[in-house]
């Protein structure tokens, strides 16, 4: 899993992220969410969370349910991603709870 998440990070860093944020922000948020789910090391996980924060700001996602709706509109595997959604949202918005 570490090799996979490292490869995702390296690929995204090599890409034109500005263009991706402009043309495919929802897809990029989905990729970052999946990467955050799989990232086991703190540095990689932190990178995904920082980038995911940028995406939620860009897309004006203010509630966990809005993030879930976006993920569902693309590809959301309930059994795989549901356990991570709450945890990732809390990491993105410490102190806010589930609001």
C-alpha atoms as a PDB file:
ATOM      1  CA  UNK A   1       0.000   0.000   0.000  1.00  0.00           C
ATOM      2  CA  UNK A   2       2.855   2.378   0.803  1.00  0.00           C
ATOM      3  CA  UNK A   3       4.290   1.936  -2.688  1.00  0.00           C
ATOM      4  CA  UNK A   4       0.904   2.641  -4.254  1.00  0.00           C
ATOM      5  CA  UNK A   5       0.293   5.824  -2.282  1.00  0.00           C
ATOM      6  CA  UNK A   6       3.859   6.973  -2.936  1.00  0.00           C
ATOM      7  CA  UNK A   7       3.295   6.428  -6.655  1.00  0.00           C
ATOM      8  CA  UNK A   8       0.065   8.455  -6.540  1.00  0.00           C
ATOM      9  CA  UNK A   9       1.853  11.315  -4.779  1.00  0.00           C
ATOM     10  CA  UNK A  10       4.729  11.284  -7.262  1.00  0.00           C
ATOM     11  CA  UNK A  11       2.364  11.163 -10.238  1.00  0.00           C
ATOM     12  CA  UNK A  12       0.271  14.043  -8.945  1.00  0.00           C
ATOM     13  CA  UNK A  13       3.353  16.138  -8.202  1.00  0.00           C
ATOM     14  CA  UNK A  14       4.609  15.582 -11.762  1.00  0.00           C
ATOM     15  CA  UNK A  15       1.238  16.520 -13.255  1.00  0.00           C
ATOM     16  CA  UNK A  16      -0.143  19.972 -13.885  1.00  0.00           C
ATOM     17  CA  UNK A  17      -2.198  20.134 -10.713  1.00  0.00           C
ATOM     18  CA  UNK A  18      -3.391  23.655 -11.427  1.00  0.00           C
ATOM     19  CA  UNK A  19      -4.982  22.436 -14.648  1.00  0.00           C
ATOM     20  CA  UNK A  20      -6.440  19.412 -12.864  1.00  0.00           C
ATOM     21  CA  UNK A  21      -7.963  21.618 -10.165  1.00  0.00           C
ATOM     22  CA  UNK A  22      -9.462  23.770 -12.902  1.00  0.00           C
ATOM     23  CA  UNK A  23     -10.808  21.002 -15.154  1.00  0.00           C
ATOM     24  CA  UNK A  24     -11.385  17.959 -12.927  1.00  0.00           C
ATOM     25  CA  UNK A  25     -11.562  19.085  -9.297  1.00  0.00           C
ATOM     26  CA  UNK A  26     -14.113  16.437  -8.283  1.00  0.00           C
ATOM     27  CA  UNK A  27     -11.999  13.616  -9.701  1.00  0.00           C
ATOM     28  CA  UNK A  28      -8.900  14.994  -7.998  1.00  0.00           C
ATOM     29  CA  UNK A  29     -10.735  15.161  -4.658  1.00  0.00           C
ATOM     30  CA  UNK A  30     -11.776  11.525  -5.125  1.00  0.00           C
ATOM     31  CA  UNK A  31      -8.174  10.476  -5.902  1.00  0.00           C
ATOM     32  CA  UNK A  32      -6.906  12.371  -2.856  1.00  0.00           C
ATOM     33  CA  UNK A  33      -9.579  10.843  -0.619  1.00  0.00           C
ATOM     34  CA  UNK A  34      -8.682   7.323  -1.762  1.00  0.00           C
ATOM     35  CA  UNK A  35      -5.004   8.135  -1.275  1.00  0.00           C
ATOM     36  CA  UNK A  36      -5.695   9.372   2.254  1.00  0.00           C
ATOM     37  CA  UNK A  37      -7.596   6.145   2.959  1.00  0.00           C
ATOM     38  CA  UNK A  38      -4.609   4.076   1.913  1.00  0.00           C
ATOM     39  CA  UNK A  39      -1.743   6.187   3.217  1.00  0.00           C
ATOM     40  CA  UNK A  40      -0.208   4.471   6.201  1.00  0.00           C
ATOM     41  CA  UNK A  41       2.802   6.692   6.845  1.00  0.00           C
ATOM     42  CA  UNK A  42       2.208  10.081   8.499  1.00  0.00           C
ATOM     43  CA  UNK A  43       4.071  12.096   5.850  1.00  0.00           C
ATOM     44  CA  UNK A  44       2.138  10.628   2.926  1.00  0.00           C
ATOM     45  CA  UNK A  45      -1.142  10.893   4.786  1.00  0.00           C
ATOM     46  CA  UNK A  46      -0.388  14.503   5.668  1.00  0.00           C
ATOM     47  CA  UNK A  47       0.301  15.316   2.008  1.00  0.00           C
ATOM     48  CA  UNK A  48      -3.023  13.821   0.926  1.00  0.00           C
ATOM     49  CA  UNK A  49      -4.882  15.682   3.671  1.00  0.00           C
ATOM     50  CA  UNK A  50      -3.305  19.039   2.774  1.00  0.00           C
ATOM     51  CA  UNK A  51      -4.220  18.593  -0.883  1.00  0.00           C
ATOM     52  CA  UNK A  52      -7.691  17.308   0.021  1.00  0.00           C
ATOM     53  CA  UNK A  53      -8.242  20.401   2.164  1.00  0.00           C
ATOM     54  CA  UNK A  54      -7.439  22.534  -0.871  1.00  0.00           C
ATOM     55  CA  UNK A  55     -10.019  20.595  -2.885  1.00  0.00           C
ATOM     56  CA  UNK A  56     -12.769  20.945  -0.307  1.00  0.00           C
ATOM     57  CA  UNK A  57     -12.124  24.693  -0.157  1.00  0.00           C
ATOM     58  CA  UNK A  58     -12.129  24.988  -3.944  1.00  0.00           C
ATOM     59  CA  UNK A  59     -15.386  23.054  -4.245  1.00  0.00           C
ATOM     60  CA  UNK A  60     -16.903  24.821  -1.213  1.00  0.00           C
ATOM     61  CA  UNK A  61     -17.445  21.536   0.629  1.00  0.00           C
ATOM     62  CA  UNK A  62     -18.364  22.546   4.160  1.00  0.00           C
ATOM     63  CA  UNK A  63     -19.971  19.396   5.545  1.00  0.00           C
ATOM     64  CA  UNK A  64     -19.050  15.746   5.654  1.00  0.00           C
ATOM     65  CA  UNK A  65     -22.306  14.915   3.859  1.00  0.00           C
ATOM     66  CA  UNK A  66     -21.294  17.156   0.951  1.00  0.00           C
ATOM     67  CA  UNK A  67     -17.994  15.294   0.630  1.00  0.00           C
ATOM     68  CA  UNK A  68     -19.850  11.998   0.771  1.00  0.00           C
ATOM     69  CA  UNK A  69     -22.257  13.149  -1.958  1.00  0.00           C
ATOM     70  CA  UNK A  70     -19.335  14.085  -4.194  1.00  0.00           C
ATOM     71  CA  UNK A  71     -17.624  10.734  -3.582  1.00  0.00           C
ATOM     72  CA  UNK A  72     -20.875   8.890  -4.303  1.00  0.00           C
ATOM     73  CA  UNK A  73     -21.310  10.779  -7.571  1.00  0.00           C
ATOM     74  CA  UNK A  74     -18.025   9.313  -8.797  1.00  0.00           C
ATOM     75  CA  UNK A  75     -17.352   5.986  -7.139  1.00  0.00           C
ATOM     76  CA  UNK A  76     -17.948   5.311  -3.482  1.00  0.00           C
ATOM     77  CA  UNK A  77     -17.513   1.815  -2.172  1.00  0.00           C
ATOM     78  CA  UNK A  78     -19.537   1.810   1.025  1.00  0.00           C
ATOM     79  CA  UNK A  79     -17.727  -1.067   2.696  1.00  0.00           C
ATOM     80  CA  UNK A  80     -14.286   0.285   1.834  1.00  0.00           C
ATOM     81  CA  UNK A  81     -14.646   4.023   2.288  1.00  0.00           C
ATOM     82  CA  UNK A  82     -17.360   4.514   4.923  1.00  0.00           C
ATOM     83  CA  UNK A  83     -15.032   3.711   7.835  1.00  0.00           C
ATOM     84  CA  UNK A  84     -12.573   6.332   6.582  1.00  0.00           C
ATOM     85  CA  UNK A  85     -14.975   9.180   5.809  1.00  0.00           C
ATOM     86  CA  UNK A  86     -15.599  10.181   9.424  1.00  0.00           C
ATOM     87  CA  UNK A  87     -11.936   9.912  10.365  1.00  0.00           C
ATOM     88  CA  UNK A  88     -10.695  11.891   7.381  1.00  0.00           C
ATOM     89  CA  UNK A  89     -13.327  14.596   7.881  1.00  0.00           C
ATOM     90  CA  UNK A  90     -12.272  14.980  11.528  1.00  0.00           C
ATOM     91  CA  UNK A  91      -8.634  15.268  10.425  1.00  0.00           C
ATOM     92  CA  UNK A  92      -9.538  17.908   7.849  1.00  0.00           C
ATOM     93  CA  UNK A  93     -11.626  19.872  10.341  1.00  0.00           C
ATOM     94  CA  UNK A  94     -10.328  19.283  13.858  1.00  0.00           C
ATOM     95  CA  UNK A  95     -12.591  20.632  16.558  1.00  0.00           C
ATOM     96  CA  UNK A  96     -15.626  20.921  14.281  1.00  0.00           C
ATOM     97  CA  UNK A  97     -17.026  17.455  14.905  1.00  0.00           C
ATOM     98  CA  UNK A  98     -19.302  16.185  12.144  1.00  0.00           C
ATOM     99  CA  UNK A  99     -20.783  19.582  11.316  1.00  0.00           C
END
